[in-house]
Amino acid sequence: MLRKRLDELARGGDPVAVAALKGYLDALVENPKPLTVLRWMGKSRGYQTLLELLAGALALTHEALDGVDRGQSTIFLRAALVRHGALGERHGQSAALATFINHEVLRVPDGPDRLSLRTFATWKVQHELARAERQGHAKRTSQHYARTKIRVAADLLVWLSQHAMTLADLRQEHLDYWLVEGSSERTRIRIRDQAKLEQWAHLGL
C-alpha cells in the first residue's frame, strides 16, 4: 500500500521535483516500518510540505524551507532530505534563524522591548549558534533550541505588554508569576542582574 501511494504521488507530481526527491521517496518505500510512514503521511505537517515540494509549489531549497512555518516537522523533513541527497548540506543553521527572528520580533509591540528582543535574538542567540557552527559543535537540535529561546523571550515581552508593563518594569515577583502560570519552556528565562532588567543581555537565556 505504501509503495502504491508513493507511486501515485510521483506520477502526479512535477517531473523535475519528483526526480530531485527520488532518493528520499525511495527511502520512504524501503522503510522497514511502512505503517509508521503511512501514519506520518496521515497526520504530519511535514507530509504537507512534501506534497508541496512534489507539486513544484515549493522550491526544493533551504531558503524555501526557511519560509515554511510548520515547526519541528520542517526541521525533521529538512534533515531527511539532506540525508537522502535531495538537499545539499548546509552549514548555516544560524542564517536560517533570520526569518524566524523577524516573525517573533513583530509579535512584540513597537518600542524598546521590540528592539531588545531583536538585539538579544541576533547578537546573542544567533551569534552563539554561528560560533558553534564554526567550531563544529552545532547539532541537529541546535537551531530548534535557539528558536525556543527566542520564542520564550518574545512570550515574556508579549505578556508584559498585555499587563501594561515593559521589560524595565519587570521584577522577580512578576517573573515568578509568569513562570508558574505557563509551560515548562518558560523556565528557560533567568534573571541574572536585578539592577539591569532593561538590558537585553540580562534576559539571561
N, C-alpha and C. Protein backbone atom coordinates (compact mmCIF):
# COMPACT_ATOMS: atom_id res chain seq x y z
N MET A 1 0.82 -1.21 0.00
CA MET A 1 0.00 0.00 0.00
C MET A 1 0.85 1.27 0.00
N LEU A 2 1.93 1.24 0.78
CA LEU A 2 2.81 2.40 0.85
C LEU A 2 3.43 2.69 -0.51
N ARG A 3 3.96 1.65 -1.15
CA ARG A 3 4.57 1.84 -2.47
C ARG A 3 3.55 2.39 -3.47
N LYS A 4 2.34 1.87 -3.42
CA LYS A 4 1.30 2.33 -4.34
C LYS A 4 1.00 3.81 -4.14
N ARG A 5 0.87 4.24 -2.88
CA ARG A 5 0.58 5.64 -2.62
C ARG A 5 1.71 6.55 -3.07
N LEU A 6 2.93 6.14 -2.82
CA LEU A 6 4.07 6.97 -3.22
C LEU A 6 4.22 6.99 -4.74
N ASP A 7 3.94 5.86 -5.39
CA ASP A 7 3.99 5.84 -6.86
C ASP A 7 2.94 6.79 -7.44
N GLU A 8 1.76 6.83 -6.84
CA GLU A 8 0.71 7.74 -7.31
C GLU A 8 1.13 9.19 -7.13
N LEU A 9 1.76 9.49 -6.01
CA LEU A 9 2.25 10.84 -5.77
C LEU A 9 3.29 11.24 -6.81
N ALA A 10 4.19 10.30 -7.11
CA ALA A 10 5.25 10.58 -8.08
C ALA A 10 4.67 10.82 -9.47
N ARG A 11 3.70 10.01 -9.86
CA ARG A 11 3.10 10.17 -11.18
C ARG A 11 2.36 11.50 -11.32
N GLY A 12 1.78 11.97 -10.22
CA GLY A 12 1.02 13.21 -10.28
C GLY A 12 1.83 14.45 -9.97
N GLY A 13 3.11 14.27 -9.64
CA GLY A 13 3.94 15.41 -9.26
C GLY A 13 4.64 16.07 -10.41
N ASP A 14 5.32 17.16 -10.13
CA ASP A 14 6.14 17.84 -11.12
C ASP A 14 7.35 16.96 -11.44
N PRO A 15 7.59 16.64 -12.71
CA PRO A 15 8.67 15.71 -13.05
C PRO A 15 10.04 16.11 -12.52
N VAL A 16 10.33 17.40 -12.58
CA VAL A 16 11.64 17.86 -12.09
C VAL A 16 11.74 17.67 -10.58
N ALA A 17 10.67 18.02 -9.88
CA ALA A 17 10.67 17.88 -8.42
C ALA A 17 10.73 16.41 -8.02
N VAL A 18 9.97 15.57 -8.72
CA VAL A 18 9.96 14.14 -8.41
C VAL A 18 11.35 13.54 -8.60
N ALA A 19 12.02 13.93 -9.65
CA ALA A 19 13.37 13.42 -9.91
C ALA A 19 14.34 13.84 -8.81
N ALA A 20 14.22 15.08 -8.38
CA ALA A 20 15.10 15.58 -7.32
C ALA A 20 14.85 14.89 -6.00
N LEU A 21 13.61 14.48 -5.76
CA LEU A 21 13.22 13.86 -4.50
C LEU A 21 13.29 12.33 -4.53
N LYS A 22 13.77 11.76 -5.64
CA LYS A 22 13.74 10.31 -5.82
C LYS A 22 14.43 9.56 -4.67
N GLY A 23 15.60 10.03 -4.26
CA GLY A 23 16.32 9.34 -3.19
C GLY A 23 15.53 9.30 -1.90
N TYR A 24 14.86 10.39 -1.59
CA TYR A 24 14.06 10.43 -0.37
C TYR A 24 12.82 9.55 -0.49
N LEU A 25 12.16 9.59 -1.66
CA LEU A 25 10.97 8.76 -1.88
C LEU A 25 11.34 7.28 -1.82
N ASP A 26 12.47 6.93 -2.40
CA ASP A 26 12.93 5.53 -2.35
C ASP A 26 13.16 5.09 -0.90
N ALA A 27 13.71 6.00 -0.09
CA ALA A 27 13.96 5.68 1.31
C ALA A 27 12.64 5.44 2.05
N LEU A 28 11.61 6.21 1.72
CA LEU A 28 10.30 6.00 2.34
C LEU A 28 9.74 4.63 1.97
N VAL A 29 9.85 4.28 0.70
CA VAL A 29 9.35 2.99 0.24
C VAL A 29 10.07 1.84 0.94
N GLU A 30 11.37 1.98 1.13
CA GLU A 30 12.19 0.91 1.69
C GLU A 30 12.22 0.91 3.22
N ASN A 31 11.49 1.83 3.84
CA ASN A 31 11.48 1.90 5.30
C ASN A 31 10.99 0.56 5.87
N PRO A 32 11.69 0.02 6.85
CA PRO A 32 11.30 -1.28 7.41
C PRO A 32 9.99 -1.23 8.21
N LYS A 33 9.47 -0.02 8.45
CA LYS A 33 8.21 0.13 9.18
C LYS A 33 7.22 0.93 8.34
N PRO A 34 6.67 0.31 7.30
CA PRO A 34 5.78 1.04 6.38
C PRO A 34 4.55 1.63 7.06
N LEU A 35 4.04 0.98 8.10
CA LEU A 35 2.86 1.52 8.79
C LEU A 35 3.19 2.83 9.48
N THR A 36 4.41 2.94 9.97
CA THR A 36 4.84 4.19 10.60
C THR A 36 4.87 5.31 9.57
N VAL A 37 5.35 5.00 8.37
CA VAL A 37 5.39 6.00 7.30
C VAL A 37 3.97 6.40 6.90
N LEU A 38 3.08 5.42 6.81
CA LEU A 38 1.69 5.72 6.45
C LEU A 38 1.02 6.60 7.50
N ARG A 39 1.31 6.34 8.76
CA ARG A 39 0.75 7.19 9.82
C ARG A 39 1.31 8.60 9.71
N TRP A 40 2.59 8.70 9.41
CA TRP A 40 3.21 10.02 9.21
C TRP A 40 2.54 10.76 8.07
N MET A 41 2.24 10.05 6.99
CA MET A 41 1.58 10.66 5.84
C MET A 41 0.16 11.12 6.19
N GLY A 42 -0.43 10.46 7.17
CA GLY A 42 -1.80 10.78 7.52
C GLY A 42 -1.96 11.96 8.45
N LYS A 43 -0.89 12.31 9.21
CA LYS A 43 -1.09 13.35 10.22
C LYS A 43 0.01 14.39 10.32
N SER A 44 1.17 14.16 9.70
CA SER A 44 2.28 15.08 9.89
C SER A 44 2.19 16.31 8.99
N ARG A 45 2.52 17.45 9.55
CA ARG A 45 2.60 18.67 8.74
C ARG A 45 3.80 18.62 7.80
N GLY A 46 4.77 17.79 8.15
CA GLY A 46 5.91 17.60 7.26
C GLY A 46 5.49 16.96 5.95
N TYR A 47 4.50 16.08 6.02
CA TYR A 47 3.99 15.46 4.80
C TYR A 47 3.33 16.49 3.90
N GLN A 48 2.64 17.46 4.49
CA GLN A 48 2.04 18.53 3.69
C GLN A 48 3.12 19.32 2.95
N THR A 49 4.24 19.52 3.62
CA THR A 49 5.36 20.19 2.96
C THR A 49 5.90 19.34 1.81
N LEU A 50 5.99 18.03 2.03
CA LEU A 50 6.46 17.13 0.97
C LEU A 50 5.54 17.21 -0.24
N LEU A 51 4.23 17.26 -0.02
CA LEU A 51 3.29 17.37 -1.13
C LEU A 51 3.53 18.64 -1.93
N GLU A 52 3.81 19.73 -1.24
CA GLU A 52 4.08 20.99 -1.93
C GLU A 52 5.38 20.90 -2.72
N LEU A 53 6.37 20.23 -2.18
CA LEU A 53 7.64 20.04 -2.89
C LEU A 53 7.42 19.19 -4.15
N LEU A 54 6.67 18.11 -4.01
CA LEU A 54 6.42 17.22 -5.15
C LEU A 54 5.64 17.92 -6.25
N ALA A 55 4.73 18.80 -5.87
CA ALA A 55 3.91 19.51 -6.86
C ALA A 55 4.68 20.64 -7.53
N GLY A 56 5.84 20.97 -6.99
CA GLY A 56 6.59 22.10 -7.53
C GLY A 56 6.09 23.43 -7.00
N ALA A 57 5.14 23.39 -6.04
CA ALA A 57 4.61 24.63 -5.47
C ALA A 57 5.60 25.25 -4.50
N LEU A 58 6.50 24.44 -3.97
CA LEU A 58 7.54 24.91 -3.06
C LEU A 58 8.89 24.47 -3.60
N ALA A 59 9.78 25.42 -3.77
CA ALA A 59 11.11 25.11 -4.32
C ALA A 59 11.88 24.21 -3.36
N LEU A 60 12.64 23.30 -3.92
CA LEU A 60 13.44 22.38 -3.12
C LEU A 60 14.77 23.06 -2.78
N THR A 61 14.69 24.02 -1.89
CA THR A 61 15.88 24.77 -1.45
C THR A 61 15.78 25.01 0.06
N HIS A 62 16.92 25.24 0.67
CA HIS A 62 16.92 25.57 2.09
C HIS A 62 16.17 26.88 2.33
N GLU A 63 16.34 27.83 1.42
CA GLU A 63 15.71 29.13 1.59
C GLU A 63 14.19 29.01 1.58
N ALA A 64 13.66 28.16 0.69
CA ALA A 64 12.21 27.97 0.63
C ALA A 64 11.70 27.33 1.91
N LEU A 65 12.44 26.35 2.43
CA LEU A 65 12.03 25.69 3.68
C LEU A 65 12.12 26.64 4.87
N ASP A 66 13.02 27.62 4.80
CA ASP A 66 13.12 28.61 5.87
C ASP A 66 11.80 29.36 6.04
N GLY A 67 11.06 29.51 4.95
CA GLY A 67 9.81 30.27 5.00
C GLY A 67 8.59 29.43 5.35
N VAL A 68 8.79 28.14 5.59
CA VAL A 68 7.67 27.25 5.94
C VAL A 68 7.48 27.25 7.45
N ASP A 69 6.31 27.66 7.89
CA ASP A 69 6.04 27.79 9.32
C ASP A 69 5.27 26.56 9.82
N ARG A 70 5.97 25.42 9.87
CA ARG A 70 5.33 24.19 10.35
C ARG A 70 6.15 23.54 11.46
N GLY A 71 6.84 24.37 12.20
CA GLY A 71 7.51 23.91 13.41
C GLY A 71 8.57 22.85 13.20
N GLN A 72 8.61 21.92 14.15
CA GLN A 72 9.66 20.90 14.17
C GLN A 72 9.55 19.93 13.01
N SER A 73 8.35 19.79 12.43
CA SER A 73 8.20 18.87 11.31
C SER A 73 9.08 19.29 10.13
N THR A 74 9.25 20.60 9.95
CA THR A 74 10.10 21.10 8.87
C THR A 74 11.55 20.79 9.14
N ILE A 75 11.95 20.89 10.40
CA ILE A 75 13.33 20.58 10.77
C ILE A 75 13.65 19.12 10.47
N PHE A 76 12.73 18.23 10.86
CA PHE A 76 12.94 16.80 10.62
C PHE A 76 12.95 16.47 9.13
N LEU A 77 12.02 17.09 8.39
CA LEU A 77 11.96 16.83 6.95
C LEU A 77 13.23 17.32 6.27
N ARG A 78 13.69 18.51 6.63
CA ARG A 78 14.91 19.05 6.04
C ARG A 78 16.08 18.10 6.27
N ALA A 79 16.21 17.61 7.49
CA ALA A 79 17.32 16.70 7.81
C ALA A 79 17.24 15.43 6.97
N ALA A 80 16.03 14.91 6.79
CA ALA A 80 15.86 13.69 5.98
C ALA A 80 16.19 13.95 4.51
N LEU A 81 15.79 15.11 4.01
CA LEU A 81 16.09 15.45 2.62
C LEU A 81 17.59 15.57 2.39
N VAL A 82 18.29 16.13 3.35
CA VAL A 82 19.75 16.23 3.25
C VAL A 82 20.37 14.83 3.31
N ARG A 83 19.87 14.03 4.23
CA ARG A 83 20.43 12.68 4.43
C ARG A 83 20.30 11.82 3.19
N HIS A 84 19.23 12.02 2.43
CA HIS A 84 18.99 11.18 1.24
C HIS A 84 19.30 11.90 -0.07
N GLY A 85 20.04 12.99 0.01
CA GLY A 85 20.58 13.61 -1.19
C GLY A 85 19.66 14.54 -1.94
N ALA A 86 18.48 14.82 -1.42
CA ALA A 86 17.57 15.74 -2.12
C ALA A 86 17.99 17.20 -1.91
N LEU A 87 18.62 17.47 -0.79
CA LEU A 87 19.15 18.80 -0.47
C LEU A 87 20.62 18.66 -0.12
N GLY A 88 21.39 19.68 -0.44
CA GLY A 88 22.79 19.67 -0.08
C GLY A 88 22.99 19.99 1.39
N GLU A 89 24.16 19.66 1.91
CA GLU A 89 24.49 20.02 3.29
C GLU A 89 24.46 21.53 3.43
N ARG A 90 24.07 21.97 4.59
CA ARG A 90 24.03 23.40 4.84
C ARG A 90 24.64 23.69 6.20
N HIS A 91 25.76 24.37 6.17
CA HIS A 91 26.41 24.75 7.42
C HIS A 91 26.00 26.18 7.72
N GLY A 92 24.71 26.36 7.92
CA GLY A 92 24.22 27.71 8.16
C GLY A 92 22.92 27.71 8.94
N GLN A 93 22.87 26.94 10.03
CA GLN A 93 21.67 26.97 10.85
C GLN A 93 21.38 28.37 11.35
N SER A 94 22.45 29.10 11.65
CA SER A 94 22.26 30.44 12.18
C SER A 94 21.63 31.36 11.14
N ALA A 95 21.99 31.17 9.87
CA ALA A 95 21.41 32.01 8.82
C ALA A 95 19.91 31.76 8.69
N ALA A 96 19.50 30.52 8.94
CA ALA A 96 18.09 30.17 8.81
C ALA A 96 17.23 30.79 9.90
N LEU A 97 17.85 31.34 10.92
CA LEU A 97 17.10 31.95 12.01
C LEU A 97 16.52 33.31 11.64
N ALA A 98 17.02 33.92 10.58
CA ALA A 98 16.64 35.29 10.27
C ALA A 98 15.14 35.48 10.10
N THR A 99 14.50 34.60 9.31
CA THR A 99 13.06 34.71 9.09
C THR A 99 12.30 34.52 10.39
N PHE A 100 12.73 33.55 11.19
CA PHE A 100 12.07 33.28 12.47
C PHE A 100 12.20 34.48 13.41
N ILE A 101 13.38 35.07 13.45
CA ILE A 101 13.60 36.24 14.31
C ILE A 101 12.67 37.38 13.92
N ASN A 102 12.56 37.63 12.62
CA ASN A 102 11.67 38.69 12.15
C ASN A 102 10.23 38.44 12.58
N HIS A 103 9.79 37.19 12.48
CA HIS A 103 8.42 36.83 12.86
C HIS A 103 8.19 37.07 14.35
N GLU A 104 9.11 36.63 15.18
CA GLU A 104 8.95 36.75 16.62
C GLU A 104 9.03 38.22 17.07
N VAL A 105 9.92 38.97 16.46
CA VAL A 105 10.07 40.38 16.82
C VAL A 105 8.78 41.15 16.59
N LEU A 106 8.09 40.84 15.50
CA LEU A 106 6.86 41.55 15.17
C LEU A 106 5.71 41.20 16.10
N ARG A 107 5.84 40.16 16.90
CA ARG A 107 4.82 39.85 17.89
C ARG A 107 4.82 40.85 19.04
N VAL A 108 5.96 41.48 19.27
CA VAL A 108 6.13 42.40 20.39
C VAL A 108 5.75 43.81 19.93
N PRO A 109 4.97 44.55 20.71
CA PRO A 109 4.60 45.91 20.32
C PRO A 109 5.82 46.77 20.02
N ASP A 110 5.66 47.67 19.08
CA ASP A 110 6.76 48.56 18.68
C ASP A 110 7.25 49.36 19.89
N GLY A 111 8.55 49.42 20.03
CA GLY A 111 9.11 50.16 21.16
C GLY A 111 10.42 49.55 21.63
N PRO A 112 10.91 49.98 22.78
CA PRO A 112 12.20 49.49 23.28
C PRO A 112 12.27 47.97 23.46
N ASP A 113 11.16 47.36 23.89
CA ASP A 113 11.20 45.91 24.11
C ASP A 113 11.37 45.15 22.81
N ARG A 114 10.77 45.66 21.73
CA ARG A 114 10.96 45.01 20.43
C ARG A 114 12.43 45.09 20.02
N LEU A 115 13.04 46.23 20.23
CA LEU A 115 14.47 46.39 19.91
C LEU A 115 15.31 45.47 20.79
N SER A 116 14.93 45.35 22.07
CA SER A 116 15.67 44.47 22.98
C SER A 116 15.62 43.02 22.49
N LEU A 117 14.44 42.60 22.05
CA LEU A 117 14.31 41.23 21.56
C LEU A 117 15.16 41.01 20.32
N ARG A 118 15.10 41.94 19.37
CA ARG A 118 15.90 41.78 18.14
C ARG A 118 17.39 41.73 18.48
N THR A 119 17.81 42.59 19.38
CA THR A 119 19.23 42.61 19.77
C THR A 119 19.62 41.31 20.43
N PHE A 120 18.79 40.84 21.36
CA PHE A 120 19.05 39.57 22.04
C PHE A 120 19.09 38.41 21.05
N ALA A 121 18.08 38.33 20.18
CA ALA A 121 17.98 37.22 19.24
C ALA A 121 19.14 37.20 18.26
N THR A 122 19.54 38.39 17.80
CA THR A 122 20.58 38.49 16.77
C THR A 122 21.98 38.39 17.35
N TRP A 123 22.23 39.19 18.39
CA TRP A 123 23.60 39.30 18.88
C TRP A 123 23.96 38.31 19.98
N LYS A 124 22.96 37.64 20.52
CA LYS A 124 23.28 36.60 21.50
C LYS A 124 22.96 35.21 20.93
N VAL A 125 21.69 34.94 20.65
CA VAL A 125 21.31 33.59 20.24
C VAL A 125 21.89 33.23 18.88
N GLN A 126 21.65 34.07 17.87
CA GLN A 126 22.14 33.77 16.52
C GLN A 126 23.66 33.76 16.48
N HIS A 127 24.27 34.71 17.18
CA HIS A 127 25.73 34.77 17.20
C HIS A 127 26.32 33.53 17.85
N GLU A 128 25.73 33.06 18.95
CA GLU A 128 26.25 31.87 19.62
C GLU A 128 26.08 30.62 18.76
N LEU A 129 24.97 30.55 18.02
CA LEU A 129 24.77 29.41 17.14
C LEU A 129 25.79 29.43 16.00
N ALA A 130 26.04 30.61 15.45
CA ALA A 130 27.03 30.73 14.38
C ALA A 130 28.41 30.32 14.88
N ARG A 131 28.74 30.71 16.09
CA ARG A 131 30.04 30.34 16.65
C ARG A 131 30.14 28.83 16.83
N ALA A 132 29.05 28.21 17.30
CA ALA A 132 29.05 26.75 17.46
C ALA A 132 29.24 26.05 16.13
N GLU A 133 28.64 26.60 15.07
CA GLU A 133 28.81 26.02 13.74
C GLU A 133 30.25 26.12 13.27
N ARG A 134 30.84 27.29 13.47
CA ARG A 134 32.23 27.48 13.04
C ARG A 134 33.17 26.52 13.76
N GLN A 135 32.85 26.23 15.00
CA GLN A 135 33.70 25.35 15.81
C GLN A 135 33.35 23.87 15.65
N GLY A 136 32.29 23.62 14.85
CA GLY A 136 31.87 22.24 14.62
C GLY A 136 31.12 21.62 15.77
N HIS A 137 30.54 22.44 16.64
CA HIS A 137 29.83 21.94 17.82
C HIS A 137 28.32 21.93 17.64
N ALA A 138 27.81 22.51 16.56
CA ALA A 138 26.36 22.58 16.37
C ALA A 138 25.80 21.19 16.09
N LYS A 139 24.62 20.92 16.67
CA LYS A 139 23.93 19.66 16.46
C LYS A 139 22.66 19.90 15.65
N ARG A 140 21.99 18.82 15.28
CA ARG A 140 20.75 18.96 14.54
C ARG A 140 19.69 19.71 15.34
N THR A 141 19.77 19.56 16.65
CA THR A 141 18.77 20.19 17.51
C THR A 141 19.14 21.62 17.90
N SER A 142 20.30 22.09 17.47
CA SER A 142 20.76 23.40 17.92
C SER A 142 19.84 24.53 17.47
N GLN A 143 19.36 24.47 16.22
CA GLN A 143 18.50 25.54 15.74
C GLN A 143 17.16 25.52 16.47
N HIS A 144 16.64 24.33 16.74
CA HIS A 144 15.38 24.22 17.48
C HIS A 144 15.52 24.83 18.87
N TYR A 145 16.63 24.57 19.52
CA TYR A 145 16.88 25.12 20.84
C TYR A 145 16.99 26.64 20.78
N ALA A 146 17.67 27.15 19.75
CA ALA A 146 17.80 28.60 19.59
C ALA A 146 16.43 29.24 19.36
N ARG A 147 15.60 28.61 18.53
CA ARG A 147 14.26 29.15 18.29
C ARG A 147 13.43 29.16 19.57
N THR A 148 13.58 28.12 20.37
CA THR A 148 12.83 28.06 21.62
C THR A 148 13.20 29.22 22.53
N LYS A 149 14.48 29.52 22.63
CA LYS A 149 14.92 30.62 23.49
C LYS A 149 14.35 31.95 23.00
N ILE A 150 14.36 32.16 21.70
CA ILE A 150 13.84 33.41 21.15
C ILE A 150 12.33 33.50 21.35
N ARG A 151 11.63 32.40 21.10
CA ARG A 151 10.18 32.40 21.25
C ARG A 151 9.77 32.65 22.69
N VAL A 152 10.46 32.03 23.64
CA VAL A 152 10.12 32.21 25.05
C VAL A 152 10.38 33.66 25.47
N ALA A 153 11.47 34.25 24.99
CA ALA A 153 11.74 35.65 25.29
C ALA A 153 10.63 36.54 24.74
N ALA A 154 10.18 36.25 23.52
CA ALA A 154 9.08 37.01 22.92
C ALA A 154 7.80 36.82 23.73
N ASP A 155 7.54 35.59 24.19
CA ASP A 155 6.36 35.32 25.01
C ASP A 155 6.35 36.19 26.25
N LEU A 156 7.50 36.31 26.89
CA LEU A 156 7.59 37.12 28.10
C LEU A 156 7.29 38.59 27.80
N LEU A 157 7.86 39.11 26.73
CA LEU A 157 7.65 40.52 26.39
C LEU A 157 6.20 40.79 26.00
N VAL A 158 5.59 39.84 25.30
CA VAL A 158 4.17 39.99 24.95
C VAL A 158 3.32 39.99 26.22
N TRP A 159 3.64 39.08 27.14
CA TRP A 159 2.90 39.01 28.41
C TRP A 159 3.02 40.32 29.18
N LEU A 160 4.21 40.88 29.20
CA LEU A 160 4.41 42.16 29.88
C LEU A 160 3.55 43.24 29.26
N SER A 161 3.52 43.30 27.93
CA SER A 161 2.72 44.33 27.26
C SER A 161 1.24 44.16 27.56
N GLN A 162 0.80 42.92 27.69
CA GLN A 162 -0.61 42.66 28.00
C GLN A 162 -0.98 43.08 29.42
N HIS A 163 0.04 43.23 30.26
CA HIS A 163 -0.18 43.67 31.64
C HIS A 163 0.31 45.11 31.84
N ALA A 164 0.37 45.85 30.74
CA ALA A 164 0.75 47.28 30.77
C ALA A 164 2.12 47.49 31.41
N MET A 165 3.05 46.57 31.12
CA MET A 165 4.40 46.69 31.63
C MET A 165 5.40 46.54 30.48
N THR A 166 6.63 46.92 30.75
CA THR A 166 7.73 46.70 29.81
C THR A 166 8.83 45.94 30.54
N LEU A 167 9.88 45.60 29.83
CA LEU A 167 11.00 44.89 30.45
C LEU A 167 11.59 45.68 31.60
N ALA A 168 11.59 47.00 31.48
CA ALA A 168 12.14 47.85 32.54
C ALA A 168 11.33 47.75 33.83
N ASP A 169 10.06 47.37 33.73
CA ASP A 169 9.19 47.24 34.90
C ASP A 169 9.28 45.86 35.56
N LEU A 170 9.88 44.92 34.88
CA LEU A 170 9.87 43.53 35.35
C LEU A 170 10.62 43.38 36.66
N ARG A 171 9.97 42.67 37.60
CA ARG A 171 10.59 42.34 38.87
C ARG A 171 10.46 40.83 39.09
N GLN A 172 11.20 40.34 40.05
CA GLN A 172 11.23 38.90 40.27
C GLN A 172 9.85 38.33 40.54
N GLU A 173 8.99 39.07 41.28
CA GLU A 173 7.66 38.54 41.56
C GLU A 173 6.82 38.41 40.30
N HIS A 174 7.02 39.32 39.33
CA HIS A 174 6.32 39.22 38.05
C HIS A 174 6.78 37.96 37.31
N LEU A 175 8.10 37.79 37.30
CA LEU A 175 8.68 36.63 36.60
C LEU A 175 8.21 35.33 37.23
N ASP A 176 8.17 35.28 38.56
CA ASP A 176 7.72 34.07 39.25
C ASP A 176 6.29 33.72 38.85
N TYR A 177 5.44 34.73 38.81
CA TYR A 177 4.04 34.50 38.43
C TYR A 177 3.94 34.01 37.00
N TRP A 178 4.70 34.61 36.11
CA TRP A 178 4.69 34.22 34.70
C TRP A 178 5.17 32.78 34.52
N LEU A 179 6.21 32.42 35.27
CA LEU A 179 6.73 31.05 35.18
C LEU A 179 5.71 30.02 35.65
N VAL A 180 5.02 30.33 36.74
CA VAL A 180 4.08 29.38 37.32
C VAL A 180 2.87 29.15 36.43
N GLU A 181 2.39 30.20 35.77
CA GLU A 181 1.15 30.08 35.01
C GLU A 181 1.35 29.53 33.60
N GLY A 182 2.60 29.32 33.19
CA GLY A 182 2.86 28.89 31.83
C GLY A 182 3.45 27.49 31.73
N SER A 183 3.95 27.16 30.54
CA SER A 183 4.52 25.84 30.27
C SER A 183 5.93 25.74 30.84
N SER A 184 6.46 24.51 30.82
CA SER A 184 7.81 24.28 31.35
C SER A 184 8.88 24.99 30.53
N GLU A 185 8.57 25.30 29.26
CA GLU A 185 9.54 26.01 28.43
C GLU A 185 9.91 27.36 29.03
N ARG A 186 9.00 27.94 29.82
CA ARG A 186 9.26 29.26 30.37
C ARG A 186 10.42 29.27 31.36
N THR A 187 10.78 28.11 31.86
CA THR A 187 11.89 28.06 32.82
C THR A 187 13.22 28.36 32.15
N ARG A 188 13.23 28.52 30.83
CA ARG A 188 14.46 28.91 30.14
C ARG A 188 14.82 30.36 30.43
N ILE A 189 13.86 31.13 30.95
CA ILE A 189 14.12 32.51 31.33
C ILE A 189 14.84 32.55 32.67
N ARG A 190 15.92 33.33 32.74
CA ARG A 190 16.62 33.54 34.00
C ARG A 190 16.95 35.03 34.11
N ILE A 191 16.83 35.59 35.30
CA ILE A 191 17.22 36.97 35.53
C ILE A 191 18.57 36.97 36.24
N ARG A 192 19.57 37.51 35.60
CA ARG A 192 20.93 37.46 36.14
C ARG A 192 21.26 38.70 36.99
N ASP A 193 20.69 39.81 36.63
CA ASP A 193 21.09 41.04 37.30
C ASP A 193 19.84 41.88 37.52
N GLN A 194 19.32 41.88 38.75
CA GLN A 194 18.08 42.59 39.02
C GLN A 194 18.19 44.08 38.75
N ALA A 195 19.36 44.64 38.85
CA ALA A 195 19.54 46.08 38.66
C ALA A 195 19.56 46.50 37.20
N LYS A 196 19.63 45.51 36.27
CA LYS A 196 19.75 45.86 34.86
C LYS A 196 18.75 45.09 34.02
N LEU A 197 17.52 45.00 34.51
CA LEU A 197 16.50 44.24 33.81
C LEU A 197 16.20 44.81 32.43
N GLU A 198 16.43 46.10 32.25
CA GLU A 198 16.08 46.73 30.98
C GLU A 198 17.05 46.37 29.87
N GLN A 199 18.16 45.75 30.20
CA GLN A 199 19.16 45.43 29.18
C GLN A 199 18.90 44.04 28.62
N TRP A 200 18.94 43.90 27.32
CA TRP A 200 18.62 42.63 26.67
C TRP A 200 19.48 41.49 27.17
N ALA A 201 20.74 41.73 27.48
CA ALA A 201 21.65 40.67 27.87
C ALA A 201 21.21 40.00 29.16
N HIS A 202 20.44 40.70 29.96
CA HIS A 202 20.08 40.15 31.26
C HIS A 202 18.74 39.44 31.24
N LEU A 203 18.23 39.12 30.04
CA LEU A 203 17.18 38.11 29.98
C LEU A 203 17.78 36.78 30.41
N GLY A 204 19.11 36.64 30.16
CA GLY A 204 19.84 35.51 30.70
C GLY A 204 19.42 34.15 30.20
N LEU A 205 18.95 34.06 28.96
CA LEU A 205 18.52 32.76 28.47
C LEU A 205 19.73 31.87 28.18
